[in-house]
Each structure stands twice: as structure tokens, then as C-alpha cells.
N, C-alpha and C. Protein backbone atom coordinates (compact mmCIF):
# COMPACT_ATOMS: atom_id res chain seq x y z
N MET A 1 310.03 207.85 -21.06
CA MET A 1 310.60 208.66 -22.11
C MET A 1 310.01 210.07 -22.03
N ASN A 2 310.88 211.05 -21.99
CA ASN A 2 310.44 212.44 -21.97
C ASN A 2 310.43 212.97 -23.40
N LEU A 3 309.25 213.10 -23.98
CA LEU A 3 309.13 213.52 -25.38
C LEU A 3 309.68 214.93 -25.60
N GLN A 4 309.60 215.78 -24.58
CA GLN A 4 310.05 217.17 -24.73
C GLN A 4 311.56 217.29 -24.89
N GLU A 5 312.30 216.25 -24.59
CA GLU A 5 313.76 216.28 -24.73
C GLU A 5 314.21 215.80 -26.10
N LEU A 6 313.28 215.36 -26.95
CA LEU A 6 313.64 214.78 -28.24
C LEU A 6 313.58 215.82 -29.36
N SER A 7 314.42 215.62 -30.36
CA SER A 7 314.40 216.48 -31.55
C SER A 7 313.22 216.11 -32.42
N SER A 8 312.96 216.94 -33.39
CA SER A 8 311.90 216.67 -34.35
C SER A 8 312.11 215.34 -35.06
N PHE A 9 313.35 215.05 -35.44
CA PHE A 9 313.65 213.80 -36.13
C PHE A 9 313.44 212.59 -35.21
N GLU A 10 313.81 212.73 -33.94
CA GLU A 10 313.61 211.64 -32.97
C GLU A 10 312.12 211.43 -32.70
N LEU A 11 311.34 212.52 -32.65
CA LEU A 11 309.90 212.40 -32.44
C LEU A 11 309.24 211.67 -33.60
N GLU A 12 309.69 211.94 -34.81
CA GLU A 12 309.12 211.24 -35.97
C GLU A 12 309.42 209.74 -35.86
N ARG A 13 310.59 209.39 -35.39
CA ARG A 13 310.95 207.98 -35.22
C ARG A 13 310.08 207.32 -34.14
N VAL A 14 309.83 208.04 -33.03
CA VAL A 14 308.95 207.53 -31.97
C VAL A 14 307.55 207.29 -32.54
N PHE A 15 307.08 208.21 -33.40
CA PHE A 15 305.76 208.03 -34.01
C PHE A 15 305.75 206.80 -34.91
N THR A 16 306.73 206.69 -35.80
CA THR A 16 306.73 205.55 -36.73
C THR A 16 306.91 204.22 -36.01
N ASP A 17 307.60 204.22 -34.87
CA ASP A 17 307.76 203.00 -34.07
C ASP A 17 306.57 202.75 -33.15
N GLY A 18 305.65 203.72 -33.07
CA GLY A 18 304.52 203.63 -32.15
C GLY A 18 303.52 202.55 -32.53
N ILE A 19 302.60 202.31 -31.64
CA ILE A 19 301.59 201.27 -31.78
C ILE A 19 300.23 201.92 -31.92
N CYS A 20 299.45 201.47 -32.89
CA CYS A 20 298.11 202.02 -33.08
C CYS A 20 297.16 201.43 -32.03
N PRO A 21 296.60 202.29 -31.18
CA PRO A 21 295.65 201.79 -30.19
C PRO A 21 294.26 201.62 -30.82
N GLU A 22 293.42 200.88 -30.16
CA GLU A 22 292.02 200.83 -30.55
C GLU A 22 291.37 202.13 -30.04
N PRO A 23 290.57 202.80 -30.86
CA PRO A 23 290.00 204.08 -30.45
C PRO A 23 289.27 204.03 -29.11
N GLN A 24 288.56 202.93 -28.82
CA GLN A 24 287.82 202.85 -27.55
C GLN A 24 288.76 202.81 -26.34
N ASN A 25 290.01 202.39 -26.55
CA ASN A 25 290.98 202.37 -25.45
C ASN A 25 291.52 203.75 -25.11
N LEU A 26 291.16 204.75 -25.90
CA LEU A 26 291.61 206.12 -25.64
C LEU A 26 290.62 206.93 -24.82
N ILE A 27 289.47 206.34 -24.53
CA ILE A 27 288.45 207.07 -23.78
C ILE A 27 289.01 207.47 -22.43
N GLY A 28 288.84 208.76 -22.11
CA GLY A 28 289.33 209.30 -20.86
C GLY A 28 289.94 210.67 -21.06
N SER A 29 290.63 211.15 -20.03
CA SER A 29 291.26 212.47 -20.04
C SER A 29 292.75 212.34 -20.30
N TRP A 30 293.27 213.24 -21.12
CA TRP A 30 294.67 213.22 -21.53
C TRP A 30 295.28 214.61 -21.36
N LYS A 31 296.41 214.67 -20.68
CA LYS A 31 297.16 215.92 -20.52
C LYS A 31 297.97 216.17 -21.77
N GLY A 32 297.93 217.41 -22.29
CA GLY A 32 298.66 217.76 -23.49
C GLY A 32 300.12 218.10 -23.24
N ILE A 33 300.96 217.73 -24.20
CA ILE A 33 302.39 218.07 -24.16
C ILE A 33 302.70 218.75 -25.49
N PHE A 34 303.04 220.02 -25.44
CA PHE A 34 303.37 220.76 -26.66
C PHE A 34 304.80 220.43 -27.07
N LEU A 35 304.99 220.02 -28.32
CA LEU A 35 306.29 219.57 -28.81
C LEU A 35 306.72 220.40 -30.01
N PRO A 36 307.95 220.20 -30.51
CA PRO A 36 308.48 221.03 -31.59
C PRO A 36 307.75 220.85 -32.92
N PHE A 37 307.96 221.84 -33.77
CA PHE A 37 307.46 221.75 -35.13
C PHE A 37 308.23 220.68 -35.89
N ILE A 38 307.61 220.16 -36.92
CA ILE A 38 308.22 219.14 -37.74
C ILE A 38 309.24 219.81 -38.67
N GLU A 39 310.43 219.27 -38.73
CA GLU A 39 311.49 219.86 -39.54
C GLU A 39 311.13 219.95 -41.01
N ARG A 40 310.35 219.02 -41.50
CA ARG A 40 310.02 219.05 -42.93
C ARG A 40 308.72 219.78 -43.22
N ALA A 41 308.19 220.50 -42.23
CA ALA A 41 307.01 221.33 -42.48
C ALA A 41 307.39 222.41 -43.50
N PRO A 42 306.46 222.80 -44.35
CA PRO A 42 306.78 223.84 -45.34
C PRO A 42 307.30 225.10 -44.66
N LEU A 43 308.30 225.71 -45.27
CA LEU A 43 308.99 226.84 -44.69
C LEU A 43 308.08 227.96 -44.18
N PRO A 44 307.08 228.41 -44.97
CA PRO A 44 306.26 229.49 -44.42
C PRO A 44 305.55 229.09 -43.14
N PHE A 45 305.08 227.85 -43.07
CA PHE A 45 304.39 227.40 -41.86
C PHE A 45 305.35 227.32 -40.69
N LYS A 46 306.51 226.75 -40.94
CA LYS A 46 307.48 226.57 -39.86
C LYS A 46 307.92 227.93 -39.31
N ASN A 47 308.23 228.86 -40.18
CA ASN A 47 308.73 230.15 -39.73
C ASN A 47 307.63 231.06 -39.17
N LEU A 48 306.49 231.14 -39.84
CA LEU A 48 305.44 232.06 -39.42
C LEU A 48 304.64 231.54 -38.24
N LEU A 49 304.39 230.26 -38.22
CA LEU A 49 303.51 229.72 -37.19
C LEU A 49 304.23 229.31 -35.91
N THR A 50 305.53 229.08 -35.97
CA THR A 50 306.23 228.63 -34.77
C THR A 50 305.99 229.56 -33.61
N PHE A 51 306.23 230.83 -33.82
CA PHE A 51 306.07 231.79 -32.74
C PHE A 51 304.60 231.89 -32.33
N ALA A 52 303.71 232.07 -33.31
CA ALA A 52 302.29 232.27 -33.00
C ALA A 52 301.70 231.07 -32.26
N VAL A 53 301.96 229.88 -32.75
CA VAL A 53 301.37 228.69 -32.13
C VAL A 53 302.00 228.42 -30.76
N SER A 54 303.31 228.51 -30.67
CA SER A 54 303.95 228.18 -29.39
C SER A 54 303.61 229.20 -28.31
N LYS A 55 303.42 230.46 -28.69
CA LYS A 55 303.12 231.49 -27.69
C LYS A 55 301.63 231.58 -27.38
N THR A 56 300.78 231.05 -28.23
CA THR A 56 299.35 231.10 -27.96
C THR A 56 298.82 229.70 -27.63
N TRP A 57 298.68 228.88 -28.66
CA TRP A 57 298.13 227.54 -28.46
C TRP A 57 298.96 226.73 -27.47
N GLY A 58 300.26 226.83 -27.56
CA GLY A 58 301.14 226.10 -26.65
C GLY A 58 300.95 226.49 -25.20
N ASN A 59 300.49 227.71 -24.96
CA ASN A 59 300.28 228.18 -23.59
C ASN A 59 298.87 227.90 -23.07
N ILE A 60 297.89 227.77 -23.96
CA ILE A 60 296.51 227.60 -23.47
C ILE A 60 295.97 226.19 -23.62
N TRP A 61 296.55 225.39 -24.51
CA TRP A 61 296.06 224.03 -24.72
C TRP A 61 296.53 223.14 -23.58
N LYS A 62 295.60 222.45 -22.94
CA LYS A 62 295.92 221.61 -21.78
C LYS A 62 295.76 220.12 -22.04
N GLY A 63 295.08 219.74 -23.12
CA GLY A 63 294.93 218.31 -23.40
C GLY A 63 293.66 218.00 -24.16
N LYS A 64 293.22 216.74 -24.06
CA LYS A 64 292.04 216.28 -24.77
C LYS A 64 291.21 215.36 -23.87
N GLU A 65 289.93 215.38 -24.11
CA GLU A 65 288.98 214.49 -23.44
C GLU A 65 288.34 213.65 -24.54
N ILE A 66 288.38 212.32 -24.40
CA ILE A 66 287.82 211.42 -25.41
C ILE A 66 286.70 210.62 -24.74
N PHE A 67 285.57 210.51 -25.44
CA PHE A 67 284.37 209.92 -24.84
C PHE A 67 283.48 209.30 -25.92
N ILE A 68 282.47 208.55 -25.48
CA ILE A 68 281.45 208.02 -26.40
C ILE A 68 280.29 209.00 -26.38
N ASP A 69 279.95 209.51 -27.56
CA ASP A 69 278.82 210.43 -27.69
C ASP A 69 277.53 209.64 -27.45
N GLN A 70 276.75 210.06 -26.50
CA GLN A 70 275.52 209.34 -26.12
C GLN A 70 274.47 209.37 -27.23
N LYS A 71 274.47 210.42 -28.06
CA LYS A 71 273.47 210.52 -29.13
C LYS A 71 273.81 209.62 -30.31
N THR A 72 275.07 209.56 -30.68
CA THR A 72 275.47 208.83 -31.89
C THR A 72 276.15 207.49 -31.59
N ASN A 73 276.55 207.29 -30.33
CA ASN A 73 277.29 206.10 -29.92
C ASN A 73 278.65 205.99 -30.63
N LYS A 74 279.19 207.13 -31.10
CA LYS A 74 280.50 207.17 -31.74
C LYS A 74 281.52 207.78 -30.78
N ILE A 75 282.78 207.46 -31.01
CA ILE A 75 283.84 208.01 -30.17
C ILE A 75 284.19 209.40 -30.68
N LYS A 76 284.18 210.36 -29.76
CA LYS A 76 284.44 211.76 -30.10
C LYS A 76 285.42 212.31 -29.08
N GLY A 77 285.84 213.53 -29.32
CA GLY A 77 286.75 214.17 -28.39
C GLY A 77 286.60 215.67 -28.37
N LEU A 78 287.18 216.27 -27.34
CA LEU A 78 287.20 217.72 -27.16
C LEU A 78 288.60 218.12 -26.73
N ASN A 79 289.01 219.31 -27.13
CA ASN A 79 290.26 219.89 -26.63
C ASN A 79 289.96 220.63 -25.34
N ILE A 80 290.88 220.55 -24.42
CA ILE A 80 290.75 221.27 -23.15
C ILE A 80 291.66 222.49 -23.24
N ILE A 81 291.03 223.65 -23.10
CA ILE A 81 291.72 224.93 -23.19
C ILE A 81 291.78 225.55 -21.80
N TYR A 82 292.84 226.23 -21.51
CA TYR A 82 293.07 226.84 -20.20
C TYR A 82 291.90 227.67 -19.76
N PRO A 83 291.43 227.61 -18.50
CA PRO A 83 291.83 226.64 -17.50
C PRO A 83 291.11 225.30 -17.63
N SER A 84 289.82 225.32 -18.04
CA SER A 84 289.11 224.03 -18.16
C SER A 84 287.99 224.08 -19.19
N LEU A 85 288.07 224.95 -20.15
CA LEU A 85 287.09 225.05 -21.22
C LEU A 85 287.27 223.88 -22.18
N LYS A 86 286.18 223.18 -22.49
CA LYS A 86 286.22 222.06 -23.42
C LYS A 86 285.56 222.51 -24.72
N THR A 87 286.34 222.46 -25.82
CA THR A 87 285.88 222.99 -27.09
C THR A 87 286.61 222.31 -28.24
N LEU A 88 286.35 222.74 -29.46
CA LEU A 88 287.01 222.21 -30.67
C LEU A 88 286.87 220.69 -30.75
N SER A 89 285.66 220.24 -31.01
CA SER A 89 285.37 218.81 -31.02
C SER A 89 285.89 218.12 -32.27
N PHE A 90 286.08 216.81 -32.14
CA PHE A 90 286.61 216.00 -33.24
C PHE A 90 286.06 214.59 -33.15
N ASP A 91 286.08 213.89 -34.31
CA ASP A 91 285.72 212.47 -34.39
C ASP A 91 286.99 211.65 -34.22
N VAL A 92 286.87 210.48 -33.62
CA VAL A 92 288.01 209.60 -33.37
C VAL A 92 287.80 208.32 -34.17
N LYS A 93 288.79 207.99 -35.02
CA LYS A 93 288.65 206.79 -35.85
C LYS A 93 290.02 206.27 -36.26
N LYS A 94 290.06 205.00 -36.61
CA LYS A 94 291.30 204.38 -37.09
C LYS A 94 291.44 204.65 -38.59
N VAL A 95 292.67 205.02 -39.02
CA VAL A 95 292.94 205.34 -40.43
C VAL A 95 294.31 204.81 -40.82
N ARG A 96 294.61 204.91 -42.10
CA ARG A 96 295.97 204.69 -42.62
C ARG A 96 296.73 205.99 -42.42
N SER A 97 297.88 205.91 -41.82
CA SER A 97 298.66 207.09 -41.50
C SER A 97 299.16 207.80 -42.75
N ARG A 98 299.17 209.12 -42.68
CA ARG A 98 299.74 209.94 -43.74
C ARG A 98 301.27 209.90 -43.69
N VAL A 99 301.82 209.42 -42.58
CA VAL A 99 303.26 209.39 -42.39
C VAL A 99 303.89 208.17 -43.04
N ASP A 100 303.32 206.98 -42.77
CA ASP A 100 303.97 205.75 -43.23
C ASP A 100 302.99 204.68 -43.70
N SER A 101 301.74 205.02 -43.86
CA SER A 101 300.68 204.11 -44.32
C SER A 101 300.34 202.99 -43.34
N GLY A 102 300.93 203.00 -42.15
CA GLY A 102 300.53 202.05 -41.11
C GLY A 102 299.25 202.55 -40.45
N ASP A 103 298.72 201.78 -39.52
CA ASP A 103 297.52 202.20 -38.80
C ASP A 103 297.84 203.29 -37.80
N ALA A 104 296.90 204.22 -37.65
CA ALA A 104 296.98 205.29 -36.65
C ALA A 104 295.55 205.65 -36.26
N VAL A 105 295.40 206.35 -35.17
CA VAL A 105 294.09 206.88 -34.80
C VAL A 105 294.07 208.35 -35.21
N GLU A 106 292.98 208.74 -35.88
CA GLU A 106 292.85 210.11 -36.35
C GLU A 106 291.85 210.87 -35.50
N PHE A 107 292.17 212.13 -35.22
CA PHE A 107 291.24 213.07 -34.63
C PHE A 107 290.86 214.01 -35.78
N ASP A 108 289.65 213.88 -36.28
CA ASP A 108 289.19 214.59 -37.47
C ASP A 108 288.23 215.70 -37.07
N TYR A 109 288.61 216.93 -37.35
CA TYR A 109 287.82 218.10 -36.98
C TYR A 109 286.85 218.53 -38.08
N SER A 110 286.88 217.92 -39.24
CA SER A 110 286.18 218.44 -40.41
C SER A 110 284.67 218.56 -40.28
N SER A 111 284.04 217.69 -39.53
CA SER A 111 282.57 217.76 -39.45
C SER A 111 282.08 218.58 -38.26
N HIS A 112 282.98 219.21 -37.55
CA HIS A 112 282.58 219.92 -36.34
C HIS A 112 282.84 221.41 -36.35
N ILE A 113 284.00 221.82 -36.74
CA ILE A 113 284.36 223.23 -36.65
C ILE A 113 284.90 223.70 -38.00
N HIS A 114 284.05 224.27 -38.77
CA HIS A 114 284.41 224.61 -40.14
C HIS A 114 285.64 225.51 -40.27
N PRO A 115 285.85 226.47 -39.42
CA PRO A 115 287.09 227.24 -39.59
C PRO A 115 288.33 226.39 -39.37
N PHE A 116 288.20 225.30 -38.61
CA PHE A 116 289.34 224.44 -38.32
C PHE A 116 289.18 223.07 -38.97
N GLY A 117 288.30 222.94 -39.92
CA GLY A 117 288.03 221.66 -40.57
C GLY A 117 289.19 221.12 -41.37
N PHE A 118 290.23 221.91 -41.54
CA PHE A 118 291.40 221.47 -42.30
C PHE A 118 292.43 220.79 -41.39
N ILE A 119 292.11 220.61 -40.11
CA ILE A 119 293.05 219.99 -39.16
C ILE A 119 292.73 218.51 -39.01
N ARG A 120 293.78 217.69 -39.08
CA ARG A 120 293.69 216.26 -38.79
C ARG A 120 294.87 215.94 -37.89
N ASP A 121 294.60 215.29 -36.78
CA ASP A 121 295.66 214.81 -35.90
C ASP A 121 295.74 213.30 -36.05
N GLU A 122 296.95 212.77 -36.04
CA GLU A 122 297.15 211.32 -35.99
C GLU A 122 297.91 211.01 -34.72
N VAL A 123 297.51 209.94 -34.02
CA VAL A 123 298.20 209.54 -32.80
C VAL A 123 298.51 208.05 -32.81
N ARG A 124 299.57 207.73 -32.08
CA ARG A 124 299.94 206.34 -31.80
C ARG A 124 300.45 206.29 -30.37
N LEU A 125 300.37 205.10 -29.78
CA LEU A 125 300.95 204.88 -28.46
C LEU A 125 302.46 204.89 -28.56
N VAL A 126 303.11 205.54 -27.60
CA VAL A 126 304.56 205.49 -27.53
C VAL A 126 304.93 204.08 -27.07
N LYS A 127 305.76 203.42 -27.85
CA LYS A 127 306.16 202.04 -27.56
C LYS A 127 306.77 201.98 -26.15
N GLY A 128 306.28 201.04 -25.33
CA GLY A 128 306.79 200.86 -23.97
C GLY A 128 306.14 201.76 -22.93
N SER A 129 305.10 202.49 -23.31
CA SER A 129 304.48 203.41 -22.35
C SER A 129 303.26 202.81 -21.65
N GLU A 130 302.98 201.53 -21.89
CA GLU A 130 301.85 200.84 -21.27
C GLU A 130 300.53 201.60 -21.44
N GLU A 131 300.31 202.11 -22.64
CA GLU A 131 299.07 202.80 -23.01
C GLU A 131 298.82 204.07 -22.22
N GLN A 132 299.86 204.67 -21.68
CA GLN A 132 299.70 205.88 -20.90
C GLN A 132 300.18 207.13 -21.62
N LYS A 133 300.86 206.98 -22.76
CA LYS A 133 301.41 208.13 -23.48
C LYS A 133 301.21 207.96 -24.98
N LEU A 134 300.73 209.03 -25.61
CA LEU A 134 300.54 209.06 -27.05
C LEU A 134 301.45 210.11 -27.67
N ILE A 135 301.87 209.86 -28.88
CA ILE A 135 302.56 210.88 -29.67
C ILE A 135 301.66 211.16 -30.86
N GLY A 136 301.56 212.43 -31.21
CA GLY A 136 300.69 212.82 -32.31
C GLY A 136 301.35 213.77 -33.27
N ILE A 137 300.81 213.82 -34.47
CA ILE A 137 301.23 214.76 -35.50
C ILE A 137 299.98 215.49 -35.99
N MET A 138 300.04 216.81 -36.01
CA MET A 138 298.94 217.61 -36.55
C MET A 138 299.23 217.93 -38.01
N PHE A 139 298.23 217.66 -38.86
CA PHE A 139 298.32 217.97 -40.28
C PHE A 139 297.34 219.08 -40.61
N LEU A 140 297.72 219.94 -41.52
CA LEU A 140 296.79 220.86 -42.17
C LEU A 140 296.52 220.23 -43.53
N GLU A 141 295.23 220.11 -43.89
CA GLU A 141 294.90 219.32 -45.07
C GLU A 141 293.68 219.87 -45.78
N SER A 142 293.75 219.85 -47.10
CA SER A 142 292.59 220.13 -47.94
C SER A 142 292.62 219.10 -49.07
N SER A 143 291.73 219.25 -50.03
CA SER A 143 291.75 218.30 -51.14
C SER A 143 292.93 218.55 -52.08
N PHE A 144 293.64 219.68 -51.90
CA PHE A 144 294.76 220.02 -52.78
C PHE A 144 296.13 219.92 -52.11
N TRP A 145 296.20 219.95 -50.77
CA TRP A 145 297.48 219.93 -50.08
C TRP A 145 297.36 219.26 -48.72
N ARG A 146 298.51 218.84 -48.22
CA ARG A 146 298.58 218.20 -46.90
C ARG A 146 299.97 218.49 -46.34
N PHE A 147 300.01 219.10 -45.14
CA PHE A 147 301.28 219.44 -44.52
C PHE A 147 301.31 218.95 -43.07
N PRO A 148 302.33 218.20 -42.67
CA PRO A 148 302.52 217.93 -41.25
C PRO A 148 303.11 219.20 -40.63
N ILE A 149 302.57 219.62 -39.49
CA ILE A 149 303.00 220.89 -38.92
C ILE A 149 303.70 220.72 -37.57
N ILE A 150 303.01 220.14 -36.60
CA ILE A 150 303.60 220.04 -35.27
C ILE A 150 303.43 218.63 -34.70
N PHE A 151 304.27 218.32 -33.75
CA PHE A 151 304.11 217.15 -32.91
C PHE A 151 303.39 217.58 -31.63
N PHE A 152 302.72 216.63 -31.00
CA PHE A 152 302.17 216.86 -29.67
C PHE A 152 302.17 215.53 -28.95
N GLY A 153 302.14 215.60 -27.64
CA GLY A 153 302.05 214.39 -26.84
C GLY A 153 300.83 214.45 -25.96
N LEU A 154 300.38 213.30 -25.52
CA LEU A 154 299.26 213.19 -24.59
C LEU A 154 299.61 212.13 -23.56
N GLU A 155 299.39 212.48 -22.29
CA GLU A 155 299.59 211.52 -21.19
C GLU A 155 298.28 211.31 -20.49
N ARG A 156 297.96 210.05 -20.23
CA ARG A 156 296.69 209.73 -19.56
C ARG A 156 296.68 210.29 -18.15
N LEU A 157 295.56 210.93 -17.81
CA LEU A 157 295.40 211.46 -16.45
C LEU A 157 294.75 210.42 -15.55
């Protein structure tokens, strides 16, 4: 399945039909796939951020690296930025999805990068991808609001 050929509504369906992986099964390197904004994202975000994110982040983001932190023995991750800079760390854990209350794996940035601590990613395995492809939704979140903003995909390297 080529996620880049799907509409925002089809991507949401792929996510809701997806399978929650065990966080330890995500350890490894993942190639990033930049996907469309969510149709139901709040209008200012959809209109203002579409250009900025797609022309900047969409061009420099290459994927994610997920690993076990040797100091804490917890599963963590890093974003891979062009060409091979690893930065913007996150914690990896299983949560109840903000989309449909089913299980999902969350990439939580809140304890690592305070300027970006409002970002939460949720991922699930794309059904039928044999654990090689993930679909994700990025949320902007605070204690007062929560907005789904973009879809993204990850393919195991």
C-alpha cells in the first residue's frame, strides 16, 4: 500500500484499521514518509502550517530511530534530520488513542524538548504490512486543547 496516494480521509481509515504494535517491536531505524494534513485539523493550523511544514519539515525529516536507552532501560526515539542528524528525542509507550480510544503507540516529546513538548505522535502498524510500515498522526496538545495536525508514515529500514 502506497500511503502517499491516499487522501486524508483514507489515511484516517488506515490508522483506525491499524494494529497496535508492542513498543519493543519498533526498535530499529525507520524511513519517514511525509503525508497530507488532516482534513479536520483546525483551519488556522491547516492553512498556515501546510506550506511551512511541507516546505521545511517535509524536506528535512528523514525518519526515526527507536532504541532502548542504556541508562534508563526505557524505549526512546530520535528523529533523523537531513542528512543524518539525530535529534528531537521522545519516549515510546503504549496509550489509548486520541483518535478512537483503541491502543496505539505514542511518541511523547514532553519530557525532552520543552519548545516541542506539546507534540504527541501516535502510530499503528498498517494492516497487512507484516510489521514493516507504520501510519502515524501528529497531535499538538496542551492541558487546554488537542489538535490532530498531520499524518506521517514510517517504513522499516
